[in-house]
Protein backbone atom coordinates (compact mmCIF):
# COMPACT_ATOMS: atom_id res chain seq x y z
CA MET A 1 -0.06 0.06 0.00
CA THR A 2 1.28 3.44 -0.94
CA SER A 3 1.69 5.69 1.77
CA ILE A 4 1.02 9.49 1.65
CA ARG A 5 2.93 11.80 3.99
CA ARG A 6 0.58 14.36 5.55
CA SER A 7 1.94 17.83 5.02
CA SER A 8 1.55 20.79 7.58
CA PRO A 9 -2.31 21.86 7.45
CA GLN A 10 -2.70 24.97 5.82
CA PHE A 11 -5.70 27.01 6.53
CA PHE A 12 -7.05 30.03 4.49
CA SER A 13 -10.20 31.99 4.35
CA VAL A 14 -12.51 31.99 1.28
CA SER A 15 -14.51 35.18 0.91
CA VAL A 16 -17.80 33.70 -1.02
CA VAL A 17 -20.73 36.21 -1.52
CA LEU A 18 -24.04 34.08 -1.14
CA SER A 19 -27.34 35.57 -1.99
CA ALA A 20 -30.32 35.96 0.97
CA ALA A 21 -32.34 33.36 -0.98
CA PHE A 22 -29.54 30.67 -0.75
CA ILE A 23 -27.78 31.40 2.72
CA LEU A 24 -30.86 31.51 4.56
CA PRO A 25 -32.08 27.77 3.83
CA ALA A 26 -28.44 26.95 4.37
CA LEU A 27 -28.32 28.19 7.88
CA ALA A 28 -31.53 26.41 9.03
CA ASN A 29 -30.09 23.03 8.09
CA ALA A 30 -26.38 23.75 9.52
CA GLN A 31 -26.84 23.88 13.01
CA ASP A 32 -23.88 21.96 14.10
CA VAL A 33 -21.38 19.48 13.09
CA GLY A 34 -23.64 16.47 13.78
CA SER A 35 -26.00 17.87 11.27
CA LEU A 36 -23.12 17.47 8.47
CA LEU A 37 -23.25 14.17 6.00
CA THR A 38 -19.99 13.03 6.12
CA ALA A 39 -17.65 10.39 4.32
CA THR A 40 -14.26 8.68 5.15
CA ALA A 41 -11.27 8.94 2.97
CA ALA A 42 -10.25 5.43 2.14
CA TYR A 43 -7.76 3.62 -0.11
CA GLU A 44 -9.65 1.60 -2.68
CA PRO A 45 -8.80 -0.17 -5.57
CA ALA A 46 -8.91 1.88 -8.66
CA ALA A 47 -7.56 1.62 -12.34
CA ILE A 48 -4.01 2.16 -13.42
CA GLU A 49 -4.23 4.04 -16.48
CA ARG A 50 -1.93 5.30 -19.60
CA VAL A 51 -3.13 8.56 -21.42
CA PHE A 52 -2.76 9.00 -25.11
CA ASP A 53 -3.68 11.58 -27.66
CA GLY A 54 -6.77 10.51 -29.95
CA THR A 55 -8.56 11.98 -32.75
CA VAL A 56 -12.28 11.95 -33.04
CA GLU A 57 -13.67 10.33 -36.36
CA ALA A 58 -17.21 10.29 -38.01
CA VAL A 59 -18.06 6.50 -38.44
CA HIS A 60 -20.43 7.38 -41.20
CA GLN A 61 -18.77 9.69 -43.74
CA ALA A 62 -19.52 9.29 -47.39
CA THR A 63 -19.37 11.10 -51.01
CA VAL A 64 -22.54 10.33 -52.94
CA SER A 65 -21.79 10.26 -56.82
CA ALA A 66 -24.26 10.65 -59.86
CA GLN A 67 -25.67 7.26 -61.02
CA THR A 68 -27.10 8.75 -64.22
CA GLY A 69 -26.40 11.64 -66.68
CA GLY A 70 -28.09 15.16 -66.64
CA ARG A 71 -28.32 18.70 -65.92
CA ILE A 72 -28.48 19.64 -62.09
CA ALA A 73 -31.98 21.33 -61.87
CA GLU A 74 -31.60 21.60 -57.78
CA LEU A 75 -29.01 21.85 -55.39
CA ASN A 76 -30.43 22.20 -52.03
CA TYR A 77 -27.87 22.15 -49.61
CA ASP A 78 -24.30 23.82 -49.29
CA VAL A 79 -21.27 23.20 -47.01
CA ASP A 80 -22.02 23.11 -43.32
CA ASP A 81 -25.78 22.69 -43.87
CA TYR A 82 -27.56 19.93 -41.74
CA VAL A 83 -29.50 17.71 -43.66
CA GLU A 84 -32.10 14.93 -42.62
CA GLN A 85 -31.75 11.11 -43.54
CA GLY A 86 -33.62 10.90 -47.19
CA ALA A 87 -33.52 14.60 -47.87
CA VAL A 88 -33.13 15.43 -51.51
CA LEU A 89 -29.66 16.65 -51.90
CA VAL A 90 -29.37 17.34 -55.83
CA ARG A 91 -32.23 16.76 -58.71
CA PHE A 92 -31.39 16.38 -62.26
CA THR A 93 -33.46 17.11 -65.13
CA ASP A 94 -35.33 13.90 -66.14
CA GLU A 95 -36.75 14.30 -69.55
CA GLU A 96 -34.52 11.90 -71.14
CA GLN A 97 -35.53 9.22 -68.27
CA GLN A 98 -39.16 10.04 -68.33
CA ALA A 99 -39.49 9.43 -72.18
CA ALA A 100 -37.45 6.12 -71.71
CA LEU A 101 -39.80 5.00 -68.81
CA ARG A 102 -42.84 5.96 -71.22
CA GLN A 103 -41.19 4.02 -74.17
CA ALA A 104 -40.73 0.85 -71.92
CA GLU A 105 -44.00 1.05 -70.45
CA ALA A 106 -45.51 1.38 -74.14
CA GLN A 107 -43.43 -1.92 -74.87
CA LEU A 108 -44.84 -3.75 -71.90
CA ALA A 109 -48.42 -2.91 -73.12
CA GLU A 110 -47.67 -4.37 -76.29
CA ALA A 111 -45.87 -7.55 -75.05
CA LYS A 112 -49.04 -8.20 -72.71
CA ALA A 113 -51.58 -7.72 -75.82
CA ARG A 114 -49.24 -10.16 -77.92
CA SER A 115 -49.21 -12.50 -74.85
CA ILE A 116 -52.93 -12.54 -74.57
CA GLU A 117 -53.18 -13.24 -78.26
CA ALA A 118 -50.81 -16.22 -78.26
CA ASP A 119 -52.47 -17.62 -75.32
CA GLU A 120 -55.62 -17.84 -77.24
CA ASN A 121 -54.33 -18.97 -80.16
CA HIS A 122 -52.67 -21.98 -78.14
CA ARG A 123 -56.13 -22.73 -76.54
CA ARG A 124 -57.81 -22.99 -80.11
CA ALA A 125 -54.85 -25.21 -81.47
CA ARG A 126 -55.09 -27.34 -78.43
CA ASP A 127 -58.85 -27.75 -78.82
CA LEU A 128 -58.62 -28.46 -82.43
CA HIS A 129 -55.66 -31.30 -81.71
CA GLU A 130 -57.84 -32.85 -78.80
CA ARG A 131 -60.96 -33.21 -81.30
CA GLY A 132 -58.60 -34.40 -84.22
CA LEU A 133 -58.81 -31.27 -86.26
CA GLY A 134 -55.64 -29.82 -85.84
CA SER A 135 -51.97 -31.39 -86.31
CA GLN A 136 -49.38 -31.58 -83.69
CA ARG A 137 -47.12 -29.40 -85.59
CA ASP A 138 -49.56 -26.53 -85.07
CA LEU A 139 -50.07 -27.29 -81.33
CA ASP A 140 -46.16 -26.99 -80.99
CA ARG A 141 -46.02 -23.77 -83.09
CA ALA A 142 -48.87 -22.20 -80.88
CA LEU A 143 -47.13 -23.41 -77.52
CA ALA A 144 -43.86 -21.92 -78.85
CA ALA A 145 -45.79 -18.50 -79.75
CA ARG A 146 -47.16 -18.46 -76.02
CA ASP A 147 -44.23 -19.21 -74.32
CA SER A 148 -42.01 -16.75 -76.25
CA ALA A 149 -44.83 -13.93 -75.60
CA VAL A 150 -44.51 -14.69 -71.84
CA ALA A 151 -40.82 -14.02 -72.08
CA ARG A 152 -41.31 -10.84 -73.90
CA VAL A 153 -43.93 -9.92 -71.00
CA LYS A 154 -40.99 -10.56 -68.21
CA ALA A 155 -38.35 -8.66 -70.32
CA SER A 156 -40.87 -5.74 -71.00
CA GLU A 157 -41.38 -5.74 -67.04
CA SER A 158 -37.62 -5.86 -66.52
CA ALA A 159 -37.29 -2.73 -68.92
CA VAL A 160 -39.82 -0.82 -67.11
CA ALA A 161 -38.37 -1.45 -63.59
CA SER A 162 -35.07 -0.39 -65.18
CA ALA A 163 -36.07 2.71 -66.41
CA LYS A 164 -37.83 3.64 -63.25
CA GLN A 165 -34.85 3.06 -61.41
CA ARG A 166 -32.84 5.37 -63.74
CA LEU A 167 -35.58 7.92 -63.14
CA GLU A 168 -35.05 7.67 -59.34
CA TYR A 169 -31.38 8.24 -59.83
CA THR A 170 -32.28 11.71 -60.91
CA VAL A 171 -33.19 12.49 -57.51
CA VAL A 172 -29.98 12.01 -54.92
CA ARG A 173 -30.94 11.74 -51.19
CA ALA A 174 -29.01 11.66 -48.00
CA PRO A 175 -28.09 7.96 -47.10
CA TYR A 176 -28.04 9.46 -43.47
CA ALA A 177 -28.39 12.38 -41.30
CA GLY A 178 -25.41 14.66 -40.92
CA ILE A 179 -23.42 17.50 -42.08
CA VAL A 180 -22.35 18.43 -45.55
CA THR A 181 -18.56 18.95 -45.70
CA GLN A 182 -18.02 19.37 -49.41
CA ARG A 183 -19.94 20.13 -52.53
CA HIS A 184 -18.22 19.10 -55.87
CA VAL A 185 -20.85 20.55 -58.17
CA GLU A 186 -22.54 23.81 -59.25
CA LEU A 187 -26.48 24.51 -60.22
CA GLY A 188 -26.68 24.24 -63.83
CA GLU A 189 -23.79 21.85 -64.41
CA THR A 190 -23.93 18.62 -66.63
CA VAL A 191 -22.81 15.72 -64.90
CA THR A 192 -22.16 12.20 -65.87
CA PRO A 193 -22.32 8.66 -64.20
CA GLY A 194 -19.79 8.28 -61.32
CA GLN A 195 -19.28 12.11 -61.10
CA ARG A 196 -18.99 13.23 -57.23
CA LEU A 197 -21.58 15.61 -56.11
CA MET A 198 -21.34 16.10 -52.38
CA SER A 199 -19.60 14.77 -49.28
CA GLY A 200 -20.84 14.63 -45.79
CA LEU A 201 -20.34 12.73 -42.29
CA SER A 202 -22.91 11.90 -39.43
CA LEU A 203 -22.77 13.41 -36.13
CA GLU A 204 -24.60 10.48 -34.55
CA ARG A 205 -22.09 7.73 -34.65
CA LEU A 206 -18.48 8.71 -33.52
CA ARG A 207 -15.28 6.92 -32.65
CA VAL A 208 -11.81 7.89 -31.65
CA ALA A 209 -8.89 6.84 -33.24
CA VAL A 210 -5.70 6.37 -31.20
CA ASP A 211 -1.94 5.27 -31.97
CA LEU A 212 -0.33 3.04 -29.65
CA PRO A 213 3.04 2.48 -28.79
CA GLN A 214 4.18 -1.39 -28.91
CA SER A 215 4.68 -1.45 -25.20
CA ALA A 216 1.26 -0.11 -24.46
CA ALA A 217 -0.23 -2.08 -27.16
CA ILE A 218 0.86 -5.48 -25.62
CA GLU A 219 -1.23 -4.38 -22.25
CA VAL A 220 -4.35 -3.20 -23.92
CA ARG A 221 -4.56 -6.42 -25.96
CA LYS A 222 -4.63 -8.43 -22.72
CA ALA A 223 -7.74 -6.06 -21.35
CA PRO A 224 -9.12 -3.66 -23.74
CA VAL A 225 -10.75 -1.08 -21.73
CA ALA A 226 -10.62 2.57 -22.35
CA THR A 227 -12.36 5.87 -21.34
CA VAL A 228 -12.49 9.06 -23.62
CA ILE A 229 -11.75 12.07 -21.52
CA THR A 230 -13.89 15.27 -22.78
CA SER A 231 -14.52 18.65 -21.53
CA GLU A 232 -17.70 17.52 -20.21
CA GLY A 233 -16.32 14.57 -18.34
CA ARG A 234 -15.35 10.79 -19.17
CA VAL A 235 -17.02 8.71 -21.57
CA ASP A 236 -16.58 4.82 -21.64
CA SER A 237 -15.76 3.55 -24.79
CA GLY A 238 -17.87 0.80 -26.45
CA GLU A 239 -16.23 -1.60 -28.77
CA ILE A 240 -12.31 -1.69 -28.97
CA THR A 241 -10.76 -2.58 -32.33
CA MET A 242 -6.96 -3.23 -32.67
CA PHE A 243 -5.34 -3.35 -36.05
CA PRO A 244 -3.15 -6.30 -36.28
CA VAL A 245 -0.44 -4.72 -38.11
CA ALA A 246 1.78 -1.88 -36.85
CA ASP A 247 2.66 1.06 -39.09
CA PRO A 248 6.25 0.53 -40.38
CA VAL A 249 7.33 3.82 -39.86
CA THR A 250 6.16 4.66 -36.52
CA ASN A 251 6.06 1.07 -34.84
CA THR A 252 2.62 1.82 -33.55
CA PHE A 253 -0.70 0.28 -33.63
CA ARG A 254 -3.86 1.82 -34.47
CA VAL A 255 -6.82 1.81 -32.12
CA ARG A 256 -10.28 2.49 -32.97
CA LEU A 257 -12.93 3.26 -29.75
CA ASP A 258 -16.61 3.31 -30.62
CA LEU A 259 -18.52 5.84 -28.67
CA PRO A 260 -21.76 5.56 -27.44
CA GLU A 261 -25.02 7.49 -29.00
CA GLY A 262 -24.85 11.07 -27.65
CA GLN A 263 -22.67 14.38 -28.42
CA PHE A 264 -20.63 14.68 -25.46
CA GLY A 265 -19.38 17.98 -26.89
CA LEU A 266 -17.10 16.24 -29.36
CA TYR A 267 -16.87 16.67 -33.16
CA PRO A 268 -14.88 14.78 -35.96
CA GLY A 269 -11.44 16.17 -36.07
CA MET A 270 -10.91 17.23 -32.42
CA PHE A 271 -8.33 16.13 -30.15
CA VAL A 272 -8.99 14.19 -26.96
CA LYS A 273 -7.48 12.11 -24.39
CA VAL A 274 -7.82 8.58 -24.32
CA ALA A 275 -7.15 6.57 -20.89
CA PHE A 276 -6.37 2.86 -21.24
CA ALA A 277 -6.78 0.97 -18.00
CA ILE A 278 -3.55 -1.55 -17.88
CA GLY A 279 -3.93 -2.67 -14.12
CA GLU A 280 -4.91 -1.97 -10.82
CA ALA A 281 -3.71 -0.26 -7.50
CA GLU A 282 -4.89 1.28 -4.34
CA ARG A 283 -5.92 4.91 -4.28
CA LEU A 284 -6.83 7.31 -1.61
CA LEU A 285 -10.45 8.33 -2.93
CA VAL A 286 -13.14 10.64 -1.59
CA PRO A 287 -16.38 11.27 -3.18
CA ALA A 288 -16.38 14.13 -5.84
CA GLU A 289 -19.18 16.02 -4.04
CA ALA A 290 -17.29 16.74 -1.23
CA VAL A 291 -14.36 18.54 -2.97
CA LEU A 292 -14.57 22.57 -3.05
CA HIS A 293 -13.24 24.42 -6.15
CA ARG A 294 -12.72 28.40 -5.64
CA SER A 295 -10.72 29.79 -8.75
CA GLU A 296 -7.43 28.19 -8.31
CA VAL A 297 -7.82 26.77 -4.72
CA THR A 298 -9.10 22.84 -4.31
CA ALA A 299 -10.10 22.04 -0.89
CA LEU A 300 -11.97 19.80 1.56
CA TYR A 301 -13.85 20.43 4.73
CA VAL A 302 -12.48 18.00 7.42
CA VAL A 303 -14.49 17.06 10.53
CA ASN A 304 -11.86 15.92 13.28
CA ASP A 305 -12.39 15.96 16.94
CA GLY A 306 -16.09 17.69 16.60
CA LYS A 307 -14.43 20.80 14.42
CA VAL A 308 -14.98 21.50 11.05
CA ARG A 309 -11.66 23.10 8.97
CA LEU A 310 -11.07 23.90 5.51
CA ARG A 311 -7.87 22.10 4.08
CA GLN A 312 -6.44 22.50 0.83
CA VAL A 313 -5.66 19.11 -1.28
CA ARG A 314 -4.18 18.05 -4.43
CA THR A 315 -6.60 15.81 -6.57
CA GLY A 316 -5.68 13.36 -9.20
CA GLN A 317 -7.88 11.38 -11.62
CA HIS A 318 -11.65 11.06 -11.20
CA PHE A 319 -12.97 7.39 -10.83
CA GLY A 320 -16.66 7.66 -11.47
CA ASP A 321 -18.41 9.70 -8.71
CA ARG A 322 -15.13 9.58 -6.69
CA VAL A 323 -11.91 11.67 -6.89
CA GLU A 324 -8.26 10.72 -5.87
CA ILE A 325 -6.61 12.64 -3.40
CA LEU A 326 -2.91 12.98 -3.78
CA SER A 327 -1.86 14.97 -0.57
CA GLY A 328 -4.02 17.00 2.21
CA VAL A 329 -5.84 14.30 3.84
CA LEU A 330 -4.89 11.13 5.22
CA ALA A 331 -6.80 7.69 5.03
CA GLY A 332 -9.50 7.56 7.53
CA GLU A 333 -10.09 11.13 7.92
CA THR A 334 -13.90 12.32 7.76
CA VAL A 335 -14.87 14.89 5.09
CA ALA A 336 -17.96 16.78 4.82
CA LEU A 337 -20.19 15.81 1.94
CA ASP A 338 -21.82 19.45 1.39
CA PRO A 339 -18.99 22.13 1.31
CA VAL A 340 -21.59 25.12 1.65
CA LEU A 341 -23.10 23.83 4.71
CA ALA A 342 -19.62 22.76 6.28
CA GLY A 343 -18.43 26.26 5.62
CA ILE A 344 -21.08 28.04 7.45
CA VAL A 345 -20.67 25.49 10.31
CA ALA A 346 -16.76 26.17 10.40
CA LYS A 347 -17.52 30.06 10.44
CA ARG A 348 -20.14 29.54 13.30
CA GLU A 349 -17.07 27.93 15.25
CA MET A 350 -15.07 30.63 14.44
CA GLY A 351 -17.63 33.40 15.62
CA TYR A 352 -18.68 34.65 12.45
CA SER A 353 -21.85 36.22 12.04
CA HIS A 354 -24.18 35.79 8.88
CA ASP A 355 -26.56 38.38 10.01
């Protein structure tokens, strides 16, 4: 167990201006030391972490391209615009595709009419053959004509479906909700199949990419657990994927950490810190709610022998709802969970008045 040497207590006063609406209820609750909720600073097993820099990436990012030719009639979004899933990004002129569809539908109608005629001729040839008035050759010809007509109907139906699909290609829709990052065409421009139209990415699914040195990669492979440190706090990663091949130049392994759904104040391209758990150690922890922050001062109210005193501390990492104490408090000491009420009790002990 790692021992922490206690330094000489440093007492200082913190001037805080409280409104009457806030301080009066607090005074009513803070009668004496016994009214304070407290906790004991204690050593607890906590993760040993190594922290590396990572880059936020969008899981879904793509460039949509033209699947048919035409002139751009509508360009509904520009760079940095938010787009809903299925929204129309680009619309082409469609006179050629409309004409091709009408032609395919006409050919289908003709094929169906000929199929009905061929079926009727086959029925007559079969009746005549059954009564002995028609030859087998005539029946075979009628059967072949009927089968050929049925095949032409199926081919015409496929041609109609293909023409409808080509017409649908004149309307380009967003594959998912996201942000337009680049526009490659202009209104009125003529495009060909395969030409790029717009690029975008989704903010709904994000991940973090980290390059780990070989020594850290070996430890992470044994127990892949990581936390992304953001301005809003810590976010536990989802699935962790480690590339099986190291970069031959940097000798690092690329790791991808999927983030849970939610924003967390992160955007693609941002740098973040990623903490990988590589073991456990005993750490002196207290509840995070007990820690008082005033400007550059971090402190705790320590309850000792029925007295409440403010003591400056140095904190380390956060582990859920608990904070590591590096110096200023010893294991087994009692700390107040509500710094505001504890401050009022401490001032009463020192003879200050709140009137």
